[in-house]
């Protein structure tokens, strides 16, 4: 059973990580979420759940405005050939979220370490990073360094790479 947002908040609290969360109507796209600008400061994320031809999975987190070359990203993230978007079933199985709610916080559900996490170096220049807390009905603000501490606590490595153009 995937973790709930409440489980996530308890986990973050247990790590001594302070976050702020704002509830809102469901947001499915970057365009939807841009309506909240001004209410939630910091860098806002766009998340790509990708799969290569050898069934390796990648969660790539970039700034919402970032442009990503999907035909070339495999060179950057270390994929075995070109990548495609992962299907909803492995997304739920590994990260415990549905399309539209993809988030770095989903790593809490990847206890087997099946997903490689890549975060764009440009996004890491933001003091605050905003992501869905396992649901697209809220946005959680976390300090960039605390996000990295969370990722490591889940047993993942945060690969900070130049992903965006």
C-alpha atoms as a PDB file:
ATOM      1  CA  UNK A   1       0.000   0.000   0.000  1.00  0.00           C
ATOM      2  CA  UNK A   2       1.541   3.346  -1.001  1.00  0.00           C
ATOM      3  CA  UNK A   3       2.253   5.934   1.650  1.00  0.00           C
ATOM      4  CA  UNK A   4      -0.272   8.729   2.153  1.00  0.00           C
ATOM      5  CA  UNK A   5       0.538  12.434   2.337  1.00  0.00           C
ATOM      6  CA  UNK A   6       0.130  12.135   6.113  1.00  0.00           C
ATOM      7  CA  UNK A   7       2.720   9.307   6.143  1.00  0.00           C
ATOM      8  CA  UNK A   8       5.048  11.539   4.121  1.00  0.00           C
ATOM      9  CA  UNK A   9       4.658  14.468   6.529  1.00  0.00           C
ATOM     10  CA  UNK A  10       5.318  12.200   9.511  1.00  0.00           C
ATOM     11  CA  UNK A  11       8.431  10.833   7.762  1.00  0.00           C
ATOM     12  CA  UNK A  12       9.722  14.347   7.037  1.00  0.00           C
ATOM     13  CA  UNK A  13       8.992  15.381  10.626  1.00  0.00           C
ATOM     14  CA  UNK A  14      10.926  12.349  11.859  1.00  0.00           C
ATOM     15  CA  UNK A  15      13.880  13.545   9.793  1.00  0.00           C
ATOM     16  CA  UNK A  16      13.598  17.004  11.364  1.00  0.00           C
ATOM     17  CA  UNK A  17      12.590  18.520   8.026  1.00  0.00           C
ATOM     18  CA  UNK A  18      10.153  21.400   8.142  1.00  0.00           C
ATOM     19  CA  UNK A  19       7.808  21.939   5.178  1.00  0.00           C
ATOM     20  CA  UNK A  20       4.847  24.136   4.298  1.00  0.00           C
ATOM     21  CA  UNK A  21       1.894  22.665   2.414  1.00  0.00           C
ATOM     22  CA  UNK A  22      -0.931  24.459   0.635  1.00  0.00           C
ATOM     23  CA  UNK A  23      -4.066  22.580  -0.393  1.00  0.00           C
ATOM     24  CA  UNK A  24      -5.699  23.479  -3.710  1.00  0.00           C
ATOM     25  CA  UNK A  25      -7.936  21.964  -6.395  1.00  0.00           C
ATOM     26  CA  UNK A  26      -6.324  19.069  -8.313  1.00  0.00           C
ATOM     27  CA  UNK A  27      -3.567  20.214 -10.680  1.00  0.00           C
ATOM     28  CA  UNK A  28      -2.670  17.966 -13.599  1.00  0.00           C
ATOM     29  CA  UNK A  29      -0.319  20.121 -15.655  1.00  0.00           C
ATOM     30  CA  UNK A  30       2.246  22.877 -15.259  1.00  0.00           C
ATOM     31  CA  UNK A  31      -0.287  25.239 -16.845  1.00  0.00           C
ATOM     32  CA  UNK A  32      -2.821  24.349 -14.139  1.00  0.00           C
ATOM     33  CA  UNK A  33      -0.303  24.990 -11.389  1.00  0.00           C
ATOM     34  CA  UNK A  34       0.846  28.330 -12.763  1.00  0.00           C
ATOM     35  CA  UNK A  35      -2.445  29.793 -11.578  1.00  0.00           C
ATOM     36  CA  UNK A  36      -1.026  29.557  -8.032  1.00  0.00           C
ATOM     37  CA  UNK A  37       2.037  31.703  -8.718  1.00  0.00           C
ATOM     38  CA  UNK A  38       2.420  34.453  -6.197  1.00  0.00           C
ATOM     39  CA  UNK A  39       0.777  32.330  -3.509  1.00  0.00           C
ATOM     40  CA  UNK A  40       3.593  29.773  -3.330  1.00  0.00           C
ATOM     41  CA  UNK A  41       7.136  31.189  -3.649  1.00  0.00           C
ATOM     42  CA  UNK A  42      10.143  29.183  -4.825  1.00  0.00           C
ATOM     43  CA  UNK A  43      10.968  26.871  -7.703  1.00  0.00           C
ATOM     44  CA  UNK A  44       8.100  24.809  -9.025  1.00  0.00           C
ATOM     45  CA  UNK A  45       8.706  21.369 -10.459  1.00  0.00           C
ATOM     46  CA  UNK A  46       7.928  19.363 -13.547  1.00  0.00           C
ATOM     47  CA  UNK A  47       8.510  15.629 -13.140  1.00  0.00           C
ATOM     48  CA  UNK A  48       9.195  13.044 -15.823  1.00  0.00           C
ATOM     49  CA  UNK A  49       8.810   9.325 -15.078  1.00  0.00           C
ATOM     50  CA  UNK A  50      10.900   7.650 -17.760  1.00  0.00           C
ATOM     51  CA  UNK A  51      11.853   4.118 -18.769  1.00  0.00           C
ATOM     52  CA  UNK A  52      14.640   2.841 -21.000  1.00  0.00           C
ATOM     53  CA  UNK A  53      14.703  -0.241 -23.221  1.00  0.00           C
ATOM     54  CA  UNK A  54      16.125  -2.383 -20.386  1.00  0.00           C
ATOM     55  CA  UNK A  55      13.217  -1.459 -18.068  1.00  0.00           C
ATOM     56  CA  UNK A  56      15.323   0.881 -15.955  1.00  0.00           C
ATOM     57  CA  UNK A  57      13.170   3.639 -14.487  1.00  0.00           C
ATOM     58  CA  UNK A  58      14.099   7.274 -13.917  1.00  0.00           C
ATOM     59  CA  UNK A  59      12.406  10.130 -12.106  1.00  0.00           C
ATOM     60  CA  UNK A  60      13.671  13.390 -13.571  1.00  0.00           C
ATOM     61  CA  UNK A  61      12.733  16.565 -11.713  1.00  0.00           C
ATOM     62  CA  UNK A  62      13.258  19.933 -13.403  1.00  0.00           C
ATOM     63  CA  UNK A  63      11.897  23.461 -13.031  1.00  0.00           C
ATOM     64  CA  UNK A  64       8.431  23.939 -14.474  1.00  0.00           C
ATOM     65  CA  UNK A  65       9.699  26.143 -17.312  1.00  0.00           C
ATOM     66  CA  UNK A  66      12.629  23.869 -18.197  1.00  0.00           C
ATOM     67  CA  UNK A  67      12.904  22.458 -21.684  1.00  0.00           C
ATOM     68  CA  UNK A  68      14.087  18.857 -21.809  1.00  0.00           C
ATOM     69  CA  UNK A  69      15.266  17.159 -24.997  1.00  0.00           C
ATOM     70  CA  UNK A  70      13.673  13.724 -24.664  1.00  0.00           C
ATOM     71  CA  UNK A  71      15.606  12.472 -27.692  1.00  0.00           C
ATOM     72  CA  UNK A  72      18.941  13.204 -25.993  1.00  0.00           C
ATOM     73  CA  UNK A  73      18.238  12.939 -22.256  1.00  0.00           C
ATOM     74  CA  UNK A  74      19.312   9.283 -22.166  1.00  0.00           C
ATOM     75  CA  UNK A  75      22.914  10.439 -22.667  1.00  0.00           C
ATOM     76  CA  UNK A  76      22.672  12.695 -19.611  1.00  0.00           C
ATOM     77  CA  UNK A  77      20.881  10.362 -17.182  1.00  0.00           C
ATOM     78  CA  UNK A  78      22.737   7.167 -18.054  1.00  0.00           C
ATOM     79  CA  UNK A  79      19.855   5.308 -19.656  1.00  0.00           C
ATOM     80  CA  UNK A  80      20.334   2.272 -21.902  1.00  0.00           C
ATOM     81  CA  UNK A  81      19.265   3.952 -25.130  1.00  0.00           C
ATOM     82  CA  UNK A  82      16.363   6.248 -25.743  1.00  0.00           C
ATOM     83  CA  UNK A  83      13.701   6.666 -23.084  1.00  0.00           C
ATOM     84  CA  UNK A  84       9.926   6.756 -23.142  1.00  0.00           C
ATOM     85  CA  UNK A  85       7.397   7.783 -20.545  1.00  0.00           C
ATOM     86  CA  UNK A  86       6.732   5.126 -17.936  1.00  0.00           C
ATOM     87  CA  UNK A  87       3.223   3.700 -17.858  1.00  0.00           C
ATOM     88  CA  UNK A  88       0.780   4.362 -14.988  1.00  0.00           C
ATOM     89  CA  UNK A  89       1.123   0.826 -13.569  1.00  0.00           C
ATOM     90  CA  UNK A  90       4.867   0.976 -12.743  1.00  0.00           C
ATOM     91  CA  UNK A  91       4.423   4.606 -11.683  1.00  0.00           C
ATOM     92  CA  UNK A  92       1.946   3.461  -9.041  1.00  0.00           C
ATOM     93  CA  UNK A  93       3.953   0.332  -8.197  1.00  0.00           C
ATOM     94  CA  UNK A  94       7.266   2.121  -7.649  1.00  0.00           C
ATOM     95  CA  UNK A  95       6.375   5.685  -6.640  1.00  0.00           C
ATOM     96  CA  UNK A  96       2.838   5.200  -5.325  1.00  0.00           C
ATOM     97  CA  UNK A  97       1.377   8.044  -7.376  1.00  0.00           C
ATOM     98  CA  UNK A  98      -0.838   8.525 -10.404  1.00  0.00           C
ATOM     99  CA  UNK A  99      -0.121  10.571 -13.546  1.00  0.00           C
ATOM    100  CA  UNK A 100      -0.547  14.232 -12.652  1.00  0.00           C
ATOM    101  CA  UNK A 101       0.848  13.687  -9.150  1.00  0.00           C
ATOM    102  CA  UNK A 102       4.397  12.601 -10.047  1.00  0.00           C
ATOM    103  CA  UNK A 103       6.811  13.977  -7.469  1.00  0.00           C
ATOM    104  CA  UNK A 104      10.223  13.495  -5.908  1.00  0.00           C
ATOM    105  CA  UNK A 105       8.338  12.698  -2.697  1.00  0.00           C
ATOM    106  CA  UNK A 106       7.215   9.475  -4.394  1.00  0.00           C
ATOM    107  CA  UNK A 107      10.677   8.073  -3.659  1.00  0.00           C
ATOM    108  CA  UNK A 108       9.358   7.284  -0.171  1.00  0.00           C
ATOM    109  CA  UNK A 109       7.421   4.438  -1.828  1.00  0.00           C
ATOM    110  CA  UNK A 110      10.365   3.050  -3.843  1.00  0.00           C
ATOM    111  CA  UNK A 111      11.704   0.853  -1.062  1.00  0.00           C
ATOM    112  CA  UNK A 112      13.354  -1.517  -3.565  1.00  0.00           C
ATOM    113  CA  UNK A 113      15.357   1.300  -5.168  1.00  0.00           C
ATOM    114  CA  UNK A 114      14.035   0.636  -8.680  1.00  0.00           C
ATOM    115  CA  UNK A 115      13.942   4.303  -9.688  1.00  0.00           C
ATOM    116  CA  UNK A 116      17.017   6.454 -10.353  1.00  0.00           C
ATOM    117  CA  UNK A 117      16.408  10.040  -9.240  1.00  0.00           C
ATOM    118  CA  UNK A 118      17.790  12.886 -11.325  1.00  0.00           C
ATOM    119  CA  UNK A 119      17.273  16.534 -10.426  1.00  0.00           C
ATOM    120  CA  UNK A 120      18.217  19.409 -12.687  1.00  0.00           C
ATOM    121  CA  UNK A 121      21.090  21.509 -11.378  1.00  0.00           C
ATOM    122  CA  UNK A 122      19.207  24.692 -12.336  1.00  0.00           C
ATOM    123  CA  UNK A 123      16.335  23.736 -10.010  1.00  0.00           C
ATOM    124  CA  UNK A 124      18.780  23.128  -7.171  1.00  0.00           C
ATOM    125  CA  UNK A 125      19.774  26.810  -7.329  1.00  0.00           C
ATOM    126  CA  UNK A 126      16.339  27.606  -5.870  1.00  0.00           C
ATOM    127  CA  UNK A 127      16.242  28.113  -2.113  1.00  0.00           C
ATOM    128  CA  UNK A 128      12.767  26.541  -1.932  1.00  0.00           C
ATOM    129  CA  UNK A 129      11.516  23.702  -4.131  1.00  0.00           C
ATOM    130  CA  UNK A 130       7.797  22.987  -4.496  1.00  0.00           C
ATOM    131  CA  UNK A 131       6.372  19.550  -5.240  1.00  0.00           C
ATOM    132  CA  UNK A 132       3.168  17.566  -4.827  1.00  0.00           C
ATOM    133  CA  UNK A 133       3.056  15.626  -1.535  1.00  0.00           C
ATOM    134  CA  UNK A 134       1.923  12.339  -3.221  1.00  0.00           C
ATOM    135  CA  UNK A 135      -1.304  14.039  -4.342  1.00  0.00           C
ATOM    136  CA  UNK A 136      -1.967  16.747  -6.908  1.00  0.00           C
ATOM    137  CA  UNK A 137      -4.378  18.418  -4.494  1.00  0.00           C
ATOM    138  CA  UNK A 138      -1.592  20.156  -2.562  1.00  0.00           C
ATOM    139  CA  UNK A 139       1.849  21.679  -3.004  1.00  0.00           C
ATOM    140  CA  UNK A 140       4.602  21.236  -0.431  1.00  0.00           C
ATOM    141  CA  UNK A 141       7.462  23.712  -0.129  1.00  0.00           C
ATOM    142  CA  UNK A 142      10.795  22.325   1.068  1.00  0.00           C
ATOM    143  CA  UNK A 143      14.301  23.787   1.270  1.00  0.00           C
ATOM    144  CA  UNK A 144      16.514  22.443  -1.514  1.00  0.00           C
ATOM    145  CA  UNK A 145      19.006  20.952   0.936  1.00  0.00           C
ATOM    146  CA  UNK A 146      16.191  19.312   2.874  1.00  0.00           C
ATOM    147  CA  UNK A 147      14.864  17.760  -0.331  1.00  0.00           C
ATOM    148  CA  UNK A 148      18.276  16.179  -0.895  1.00  0.00           C
ATOM    149  CA  UNK A 149      18.322  14.932   2.717  1.00  0.00           C
ATOM    150  CA  UNK A 150      14.888  13.369   2.167  1.00  0.00           C
ATOM    151  CA  UNK A 151      16.038  11.659  -1.037  1.00  0.00           C
ATOM    152  CA  UNK A 152      19.080  10.190   0.723  1.00  0.00           C
ATOM    153  CA  UNK A 153      16.963   9.071   3.690  1.00  0.00           C
ATOM    154  CA  UNK A 154      14.809   7.030   1.280  1.00  0.00           C
ATOM    155  CA  UNK A 155      17.928   5.159   0.162  1.00  0.00           C
ATOM    156  CA  UNK A 156      18.260   6.977  -3.160  1.00  0.00           C
ATOM    157  CA  UNK A 157      21.051   9.098  -4.534  1.00  0.00           C
ATOM    158  CA  UNK A 158      20.154  12.507  -5.897  1.00  0.00           C
ATOM    159  CA  UNK A 159      21.938  12.789  -9.240  1.00  0.00           C
ATOM    160  CA  UNK A 160      22.247  16.545  -9.760  1.00  0.00           C
ATOM    161  CA  UNK A 161      22.783  16.951 -13.500  1.00  0.00           C
ATOM    162  CA  UNK A 162      22.330  19.574 -16.217  1.00  0.00           C
ATOM    163  CA  UNK A 163      19.137  18.202 -17.717  1.00  0.00           C
ATOM    164  CA  UNK A 164      17.414  21.315 -19.049  1.00  0.00           C
ATOM    165  CA  UNK A 165      18.445  23.222 -22.141  1.00  0.00           C
END
